[in-house]
Amino acid sequence: MKQPIFYPGKQLNAIDLINLEEYAFSRTNIVIPDHGVVLLYNGNSPERMLIGKDTLFCVNEVTGITPAGRPVQFKAQGGRLKLMLKYDCTGNEVLFWDIYVDDRHPGSEETKNTEDEKYSLSQVPIGFENLDSTPPKIENDKLYIGRYKLTRDSHPEIISPPHIYSLASFNFPSQKWQEWTFPIREALRKLVAKTANDNLEFFIKHIIYNYPFWPLSQLFRACYQLAWLFEDKKALELLEEGEMEKLSDELRINPLPDSLMGIPPKDIPNVIAEILKNTGSNTWKQIPRGEYDLIDGALIIKRAFQGKHNIKFKFKTPQTEPVAIVADGAYWLQIEPHEEVEKNNQTTDNYEFPFPGSQEGNTTFSVVVPHYWIINEFSIWFRTIYDKP
């Protein structure tokens, strides 16, 4: 079966649409920011062929999505030849290459003949001294399939995985895959050990079952959602307008961190594990607006803080001057404003201070603040360093 090939300006004929339904991907169903390999090797090893004096790197089957959102689906079968890339190693020479599947389809004169193969392989050489420090380049119409070590007498060895659509896209479920993704499982184990909340444990089990197969953006969003659930806010608190606005801002952003595209793909499990490690660890929690009021220059908060805490005032407007406050009638503090970057990439100016714990018998917490503070211009946050035994 021939794969249908389209390009700008091509005249469509009925034959072009035959068997089109066999191809799982089309531009209309790619609606998320993920790209990368969907299927590559998975239990097999990279191939090479010797034809005469030539040594060829070969790809028998690959499926994926380019950064431009174009589907790549190739399988050598029938009269369709493998994708091949010639390399020359003399003596003990070792080559290190980043290898790509090029989608030659868009606007390419050479692929207008439907008998031509629409995919080809290309490479970018990497110096040995740069193997760990140079991330692969991202190019719109090229599917990155990994970094390889090439020698004259051995099969190609993949030393860094490709950009992936999901964790299961590459080498799943081999021992190498288990070792690669171990940091994620270890972080999840630690989370399970420190939560006694049945609902949180249920959601962690949901992640454990699905994390190999979710697209990366969905996996990252699930990790962020888990951190959000660990804040343990009540449903009525979440339905307050300020909370809904904040949540809407978070949900609109790309869940894939910007830094993900600047690191080697081999480190992706470590990035995910780092999010999970920070989940539930001294998490900042917002005090609902209904739990505090500003009366005669003093903030009265309807709760006591047993044990050591950090308390933070987060302002919507820029703050440049240091302020003096008196906490719980006993602690006089001079604090400087500092800027923080939120998840939505906006910045806030905050005043933060440590608090050793409420006095015995107190059921509320008071802070004398500057007279010019306006209650609707800031929110109050806290995190527990340790609870009083």
Protein backbone atom coordinates (compact mmCIF):
# COMPACT_ATOMS: atom_id res chain seq x y z
CA MET A 1 0.00 0.00 0.00
CA LYS A 2 1.40 3.39 -0.94
CA GLN A 3 1.23 6.18 1.59
CA PRO A 4 -0.72 9.19 0.24
CA ILE A 5 1.56 12.19 -0.29
CA PHE A 6 0.27 15.75 -0.36
CA TYR A 7 2.10 19.02 -0.92
CA PRO A 8 1.11 22.63 -1.69
CA GLY A 9 -0.19 22.97 -5.24
CA LYS A 10 -0.71 19.23 -5.82
CA GLN A 11 -3.77 18.37 -7.90
CA LEU A 12 -5.87 15.87 -5.96
CA ASN A 13 -7.16 12.75 -7.68
CA ALA A 14 -9.44 10.02 -6.38
CA ILE A 15 -6.51 7.62 -6.06
CA ASP A 16 -4.89 9.93 -3.51
CA LEU A 17 -7.71 9.23 -1.05
CA ILE A 18 -7.68 5.44 -1.26
CA ASN A 19 -6.73 3.83 2.06
CA LEU A 20 -6.25 7.25 3.66
CA GLU A 21 -8.22 6.02 6.68
CA GLU A 22 -5.39 3.58 7.44
CA TYR A 23 -3.22 6.44 8.70
CA ALA A 24 -3.88 7.26 12.34
CA PHE A 25 -2.56 10.79 12.36
CA SER A 26 -3.79 13.88 10.58
CA ARG A 27 -3.36 17.57 11.27
CA THR A 28 -6.95 17.79 12.49
CA ASN A 29 -6.36 15.57 15.53
CA ILE A 30 -3.08 17.10 16.72
CA VAL A 31 -4.37 19.68 19.15
CA ILE A 32 -1.76 19.58 21.93
CA PRO A 33 1.82 20.88 22.02
CA ASP A 34 3.50 17.45 22.16
CA HIS A 35 5.79 16.26 19.42
CA GLY A 36 8.38 13.53 19.06
CA VAL A 37 8.68 9.81 18.48
CA VAL A 38 5.51 7.78 19.09
CA LEU A 39 7.09 4.40 18.22
CA LEU A 40 10.76 3.57 17.73
CA TYR A 41 12.64 0.29 18.35
CA ASN A 42 10.71 -0.76 21.50
CA GLY A 43 12.63 -3.94 22.24
CA ASN A 44 14.75 -3.93 19.09
CA SER A 45 18.18 -2.42 18.47
CA PRO A 46 19.28 0.18 15.90
CA GLU A 47 20.16 -1.50 12.61
CA ARG A 48 23.00 -1.29 10.13
CA MET A 49 23.56 -2.83 6.70
CA LEU A 50 26.71 -3.52 4.73
CA ILE A 51 26.31 -3.02 0.99
CA GLY A 52 29.62 -3.50 -0.77
CA LYS A 53 32.07 -1.20 0.99
CA ASP A 54 29.33 1.05 2.33
CA THR A 55 28.05 0.95 5.92
CA LEU A 56 24.46 2.16 6.27
CA PHE A 57 22.45 3.20 9.31
CA CYS A 58 18.90 1.87 8.78
CA VAL A 59 15.42 2.58 10.10
CA ASN A 60 12.82 -0.11 9.49
CA GLU A 61 9.85 1.52 11.22
CA VAL A 62 9.15 4.84 12.93
CA THR A 63 6.04 6.80 13.87
CA GLY A 64 5.95 10.30 15.31
CA ILE A 65 5.00 13.95 15.04
CA THR A 66 7.36 16.70 13.93
CA PRO A 67 7.58 20.00 15.86
CA ALA A 68 5.51 21.54 13.03
CA GLY A 69 2.71 19.08 13.85
CA ARG A 70 3.15 16.89 10.79
CA PRO A 71 2.63 13.12 11.17
CA VAL A 72 5.49 10.78 10.33
CA GLN A 73 4.51 7.16 9.71
CA PHE A 74 6.99 4.90 8.00
CA LYS A 75 7.35 1.14 7.73
CA ALA A 76 9.53 -0.74 5.27
CA GLN A 77 7.29 -3.42 3.78
CA GLY A 78 6.40 -4.73 0.35
CA GLY A 79 8.51 -2.75 -2.12
CA ARG A 80 9.20 0.07 0.32
CA LEU A 81 12.89 0.16 1.28
CA LYS A 82 14.29 0.98 4.68
CA LEU A 83 15.44 4.54 5.35
CA MET A 84 19.24 4.54 5.08
CA LEU A 85 22.09 6.88 5.96
CA LYS A 86 25.67 6.18 4.89
CA TYR A 87 28.51 6.63 7.37
CA ASP A 88 32.25 6.02 7.04
CA CYS A 89 34.46 5.00 9.95
CA THR A 90 38.09 4.15 9.30
CA GLY A 91 40.15 2.09 11.73
CA ASN A 92 39.16 2.88 15.31
CA GLU A 93 37.32 6.08 14.39
CA VAL A 94 34.11 6.75 16.33
CA LEU A 95 31.34 9.04 15.13
CA PHE A 96 28.68 10.67 17.29
CA TRP A 97 25.62 11.80 15.33
CA ASP A 98 22.22 13.27 16.09
CA ILE A 99 19.96 11.59 13.51
CA TYR A 100 16.66 12.90 12.14
CA VAL A 101 13.86 11.65 9.91
CA ASP A 102 13.27 14.48 7.44
CA ASP A 103 9.73 15.09 6.29
CA ARG A 104 10.50 16.22 2.74
CA HIS A 105 6.85 16.81 2.02
CA PRO A 106 6.15 20.54 2.48
CA GLY A 107 6.77 22.45 -0.72
CA SER A 108 9.52 20.12 -1.88
CA GLU A 109 9.95 19.87 -5.64
CA GLU A 110 11.73 16.52 -5.36
CA THR A 111 8.74 14.78 -3.81
CA LYS A 112 6.14 15.76 -6.37
CA ASN A 113 6.58 12.37 -8.02
CA THR A 114 4.45 10.06 -5.86
CA GLU A 115 6.91 7.22 -6.49
CA ASP A 116 9.55 9.07 -4.44
CA GLU A 117 9.94 8.28 -0.75
CA LYS A 118 8.72 11.27 1.23
CA TYR A 119 11.09 10.61 4.17
CA SER A 120 14.87 10.62 4.36
CA LEU A 121 17.51 10.52 7.11
CA SER A 122 19.93 13.32 7.98
CA GLN A 123 22.55 13.82 10.67
CA VAL A 124 24.30 16.49 12.72
CA PRO A 125 27.79 15.53 13.99
CA ILE A 126 28.48 16.04 17.72
CA GLY A 127 31.97 16.34 19.18
CA PHE A 128 32.86 13.88 21.94
CA GLU A 129 33.55 16.72 24.37
CA ASN A 130 30.01 18.08 23.78
CA LEU A 131 28.02 14.86 24.19
CA ASP A 132 26.57 15.77 27.58
CA SER A 133 26.40 19.54 27.18
CA THR A 134 24.87 19.97 23.72
CA PRO A 135 21.12 19.35 23.43
CA PRO A 136 19.78 18.26 20.02
CA LYS A 137 18.49 20.97 17.70
CA ILE A 138 14.76 21.20 17.14
CA GLU A 139 13.76 21.69 13.51
CA ASN A 140 10.15 22.06 12.39
CA ASP A 141 10.09 19.40 9.66
CA LYS A 142 12.50 16.90 11.20
CA LEU A 143 11.72 14.14 13.69
CA TYR A 144 14.67 13.67 16.05
CA ILE A 145 15.32 9.95 16.66
CA GLY A 146 18.28 10.06 19.01
CA ARG A 147 22.04 10.46 19.44
CA TYR A 148 24.15 7.54 18.23
CA LYS A 149 27.65 6.16 18.53
CA LEU A 150 28.80 4.74 15.19
CA THR A 151 31.85 2.51 14.59
CA ARG A 152 33.08 0.39 11.72
CA ASP A 153 32.67 -3.04 13.31
CA SER A 154 29.67 -2.68 15.65
CA HIS A 155 25.97 -1.99 15.34
CA PRO A 156 24.92 1.60 16.03
CA GLU A 157 24.56 2.33 19.74
CA ILE A 158 22.01 4.86 20.90
CA ILE A 159 23.51 6.94 23.71
CA SER A 160 20.70 9.46 24.18
CA PRO A 161 16.99 8.85 23.48
CA PRO A 162 14.94 10.77 20.93
CA HIS A 163 12.44 13.50 21.60
CA ILE A 164 9.44 11.50 22.74
CA TYR A 165 5.67 11.87 22.56
CA SER A 166 5.27 9.73 25.68
CA LEU A 167 7.66 7.83 27.93
CA ALA A 168 6.55 4.52 26.36
CA SER A 169 7.48 5.76 22.88
CA PHE A 170 11.03 4.52 23.19
CA ASN A 171 12.47 1.19 24.40
CA PHE A 172 9.36 0.31 26.40
CA PRO A 173 9.31 -1.98 28.41
CA SER A 174 13.00 -2.96 28.36
CA GLN A 175 15.42 -2.95 31.29
CA LYS A 176 17.01 0.22 29.91
CA TRP A 177 13.58 1.87 29.98
CA GLN A 178 13.11 0.79 33.61
CA GLU A 179 16.45 2.34 34.55
CA TRP A 180 15.72 5.53 32.58
CA THR A 181 12.36 6.15 34.27
CA PHE A 182 13.39 4.99 37.77
CA PRO A 183 13.53 8.58 39.21
CA ILE A 184 9.79 9.00 38.54
CA ARG A 185 8.81 5.81 40.35
CA GLU A 186 11.11 6.63 43.26
CA ALA A 187 9.54 10.10 43.64
CA LEU A 188 6.04 8.55 43.54
CA ARG A 189 7.05 5.99 46.21
CA LYS A 190 8.12 8.80 48.55
CA LEU A 191 4.86 10.67 47.94
CA VAL A 192 2.78 7.59 48.78
CA ALA A 193 4.80 7.08 51.97
CA LYS A 194 4.07 10.58 53.27
CA THR A 195 0.34 10.84 52.54
CA ALA A 196 -2.45 9.32 54.58
CA ASN A 197 -5.11 10.87 52.35
CA ASP A 198 -7.04 8.17 50.46
CA ASN A 199 -8.04 10.58 47.68
CA LEU A 200 -4.43 11.61 47.07
CA GLU A 201 -3.30 7.97 47.08
CA PHE A 202 -6.02 7.17 44.52
CA PHE A 203 -4.77 9.95 42.23
CA ILE A 204 -1.16 8.77 42.62
CA LYS A 205 -2.28 5.25 41.59
CA HIS A 206 -3.95 6.85 38.56
CA ILE A 207 -0.58 8.40 37.59
CA ILE A 208 1.29 5.11 38.21
CA TYR A 209 -1.06 3.29 35.82
CA ASN A 210 -0.90 5.89 33.05
CA TYR A 211 2.45 7.68 33.22
CA PRO A 212 4.23 5.58 30.55
CA PHE A 213 1.52 6.25 27.95
CA TRP A 214 0.26 9.79 28.52
CA PRO A 215 1.54 12.44 26.09
CA LEU A 216 4.20 14.44 27.92
CA SER A 217 1.98 17.52 28.28
CA GLN A 218 -0.71 15.40 29.94
CA LEU A 219 1.84 13.79 32.26
CA PHE A 220 3.22 17.18 33.31
CA ARG A 221 -0.29 18.52 33.85
CA ALA A 222 -1.10 15.48 36.06
CA CYS A 223 2.02 16.18 38.15
CA TYR A 224 1.04 19.83 38.56
CA GLN A 225 -2.51 18.73 39.44
CA LEU A 226 -1.14 16.40 42.11
CA ALA A 227 0.82 19.30 43.65
CA TRP A 228 -2.37 21.37 43.54
CA LEU A 229 -4.35 18.59 45.28
CA PHE A 230 -1.70 18.40 48.00
CA GLU A 231 -2.60 22.00 48.93
CA ASP A 232 -5.75 20.40 50.37
CA LYS A 233 -8.10 23.32 49.75
CA LYS A 234 -11.81 22.88 50.31
CA ALA A 235 -14.12 22.95 47.30
CA LEU A 236 -15.90 26.08 48.52
CA GLU A 237 -12.54 27.88 48.81
CA LEU A 238 -11.69 26.92 45.23
CA LEU A 239 -14.99 28.33 43.98
CA GLU A 240 -14.19 31.82 45.27
CA GLU A 241 -13.72 34.21 42.34
CA GLY A 242 -10.08 35.00 43.13
CA GLU A 243 -9.21 31.31 43.26
CA MET A 244 -11.06 30.58 40.01
CA GLU A 245 -9.21 33.40 38.26
CA LYS A 246 -5.86 32.09 39.51
CA LEU A 247 -6.69 28.53 38.47
CA SER A 248 -7.83 29.69 35.01
CA ASP A 249 -4.49 31.46 34.51
CA GLU A 250 -2.62 28.26 35.43
CA LEU A 251 -4.70 26.06 33.11
CA ARG A 252 -4.16 28.35 30.13
CA ILE A 253 -0.38 28.03 30.14
CA ASN A 254 1.55 25.35 28.27
CA PRO A 255 2.09 22.54 30.81
CA LEU A 256 5.41 21.64 29.18
CA PRO A 257 8.10 23.71 30.94
CA ASP A 258 10.07 25.97 28.60
CA SER A 259 13.29 24.42 29.85
CA LEU A 260 12.22 21.00 28.55
CA MET A 261 13.21 21.94 25.02
CA GLY A 262 16.65 23.07 26.18
CA ILE A 263 17.73 19.84 27.86
CA PRO A 264 18.76 16.43 26.52
CA PRO A 265 15.76 14.07 26.23
CA LYS A 266 17.53 11.59 28.54
CA ASP A 267 16.92 14.02 31.43
CA ILE A 268 13.12 14.26 30.99
CA PRO A 269 12.35 11.69 33.74
CA ASN A 270 14.56 13.73 36.11
CA VAL A 271 12.57 16.91 35.32
CA ILE A 272 9.30 15.09 36.09
CA ALA A 273 10.76 13.56 39.26
CA GLU A 274 11.84 17.00 40.49
CA ILE A 275 8.24 18.27 40.26
CA LEU A 276 7.05 15.24 42.24
CA LYS A 277 9.81 15.62 44.86
CA ASN A 278 8.68 19.17 45.60
CA THR A 279 5.02 18.15 45.86
CA GLY A 280 3.67 18.40 49.39
CA SER A 281 7.00 19.65 50.76
CA ASN A 282 6.35 22.83 52.68
CA THR A 283 3.70 23.76 50.15
CA TRP A 284 2.49 27.35 50.21
CA LYS A 285 -1.23 27.54 51.02
CA GLN A 286 -3.45 30.55 50.57
CA ILE A 287 -5.64 31.73 53.43
CA PRO A 288 -9.21 32.25 52.12
CA ARG A 289 -10.38 35.86 52.08
CA GLY A 290 -13.20 35.04 54.48
CA GLU A 291 -10.70 34.05 57.20
CA TYR A 292 -9.07 37.46 57.75
CA ASP A 293 -9.92 41.13 58.02
CA LEU A 294 -8.08 44.45 58.39
CA ILE A 295 -9.23 46.32 61.49
CA ASP A 296 -7.57 49.59 62.62
CA GLY A 297 -4.24 48.75 61.00
CA ALA A 298 -4.14 45.18 62.28
CA LEU A 299 -4.75 42.06 60.21
CA ILE A 300 -6.80 39.57 62.22
CA ILE A 301 -6.52 36.01 60.88
CA LYS A 302 -9.01 33.49 62.22
CA ARG A 303 -6.49 30.74 62.85
CA ALA A 304 -3.40 30.09 64.96
CA PHE A 305 -0.10 28.78 63.62
CA GLN A 306 1.13 25.97 65.87
CA GLY A 307 4.81 25.38 65.19
CA LYS A 308 7.23 27.18 62.88
CA HIS A 309 5.78 28.73 59.72
CA ASN A 310 6.62 31.14 56.94
CA ILE A 311 4.01 33.79 56.20
CA LYS A 312 3.82 35.81 53.00
CA PHE A 313 1.83 38.81 51.77
CA LYS A 314 1.51 38.64 47.98
CA PHE A 315 0.70 41.98 46.28
CA LYS A 316 -0.96 42.67 42.93
CA THR A 317 0.85 46.02 42.66
CA PRO A 318 4.62 46.77 42.73
CA GLN A 319 6.15 47.19 46.19
CA THR A 320 9.54 48.86 46.64
CA GLU A 321 9.78 49.99 50.30
CA PRO A 322 10.70 47.92 53.37
CA VAL A 323 7.96 47.73 56.01
CA ALA A 324 7.83 47.22 59.76
CA ILE A 325 5.28 44.79 61.18
CA VAL A 326 4.43 43.37 64.58
CA ALA A 327 3.33 39.72 64.52
CA ASP A 328 1.14 38.22 67.23
CA GLY A 329 1.83 41.19 69.52
CA ALA A 330 5.34 39.97 70.28
CA TYR A 331 7.54 39.86 67.16
CA TRP A 332 8.71 43.12 65.60
CA LEU A 333 10.14 42.64 62.10
CA GLN A 334 11.55 44.83 59.33
CA ILE A 335 11.03 43.06 55.99
CA GLU A 336 12.04 43.86 52.40
CA PRO A 337 9.87 43.19 49.34
CA HIS A 338 11.02 40.58 46.87
CA GLU A 339 9.80 39.58 43.43
CA GLU A 340 8.55 36.08 42.55
CA VAL A 341 7.64 34.54 39.20
CA GLU A 342 4.29 32.74 39.20
CA LYS A 343 3.37 29.66 37.11
CA ASN A 344 1.67 31.93 34.57
CA ASN A 345 5.01 33.76 34.10
CA GLN A 346 3.63 36.91 35.75
CA THR A 347 5.52 38.45 38.67
CA THR A 348 4.30 39.49 42.12
CA ASP A 349 5.97 41.53 44.87
CA ASN A 350 5.90 39.79 48.23
CA TYR A 351 6.72 40.42 51.87
CA GLU A 352 7.73 37.21 53.63
CA PHE A 353 8.72 36.54 57.23
CA PRO A 354 9.35 33.55 59.54
CA PHE A 355 7.11 32.98 62.54
CA PRO A 356 8.05 30.62 65.42
CA GLY A 357 4.46 29.78 66.36
CA SER A 358 1.42 31.22 68.10
CA GLN A 359 1.41 31.68 71.83
CA GLU A 360 -0.29 29.00 73.90
CA GLY A 361 -4.06 29.39 73.96
CA ASN A 362 -4.29 31.77 70.97
CA THR A 363 -7.01 30.94 68.45
CA THR A 364 -6.33 33.87 66.12
CA PHE A 365 -3.24 35.51 64.65
CA SER A 366 -2.73 39.27 64.35
CA VAL A 367 -0.24 41.35 62.38
CA VAL A 368 0.11 45.11 62.70
CA VAL A 369 0.80 46.34 59.14
CA PRO A 370 1.38 49.76 57.49
CA HIS A 371 -1.69 51.99 57.58
CA TYR A 372 -1.71 52.44 53.79
CA TRP A 373 -2.17 48.72 53.00
CA ILE A 374 -5.49 48.02 51.26
CA ILE A 375 -6.95 44.59 51.96
CA ASN A 376 -8.04 43.88 48.37
CA GLU A 377 -4.54 44.51 46.99
CA PHE A 378 -2.84 41.51 48.57
CA SER A 379 -3.40 37.86 49.49
CA ILE A 380 -1.98 35.98 52.49
CA TRP A 381 -0.07 32.70 52.20
CA PHE A 382 1.65 30.38 54.67
CA ARG A 383 3.68 27.20 54.70
CA THR A 384 4.46 24.87 57.58
CA ILE A 385 8.14 24.30 58.37
CA TYR A 386 7.28 21.99 61.24
CA ASP A 387 4.22 21.46 63.42
CA LYS A 388 4.29 21.81 67.16
CA PRO A 389 4.26 18.26 68.65
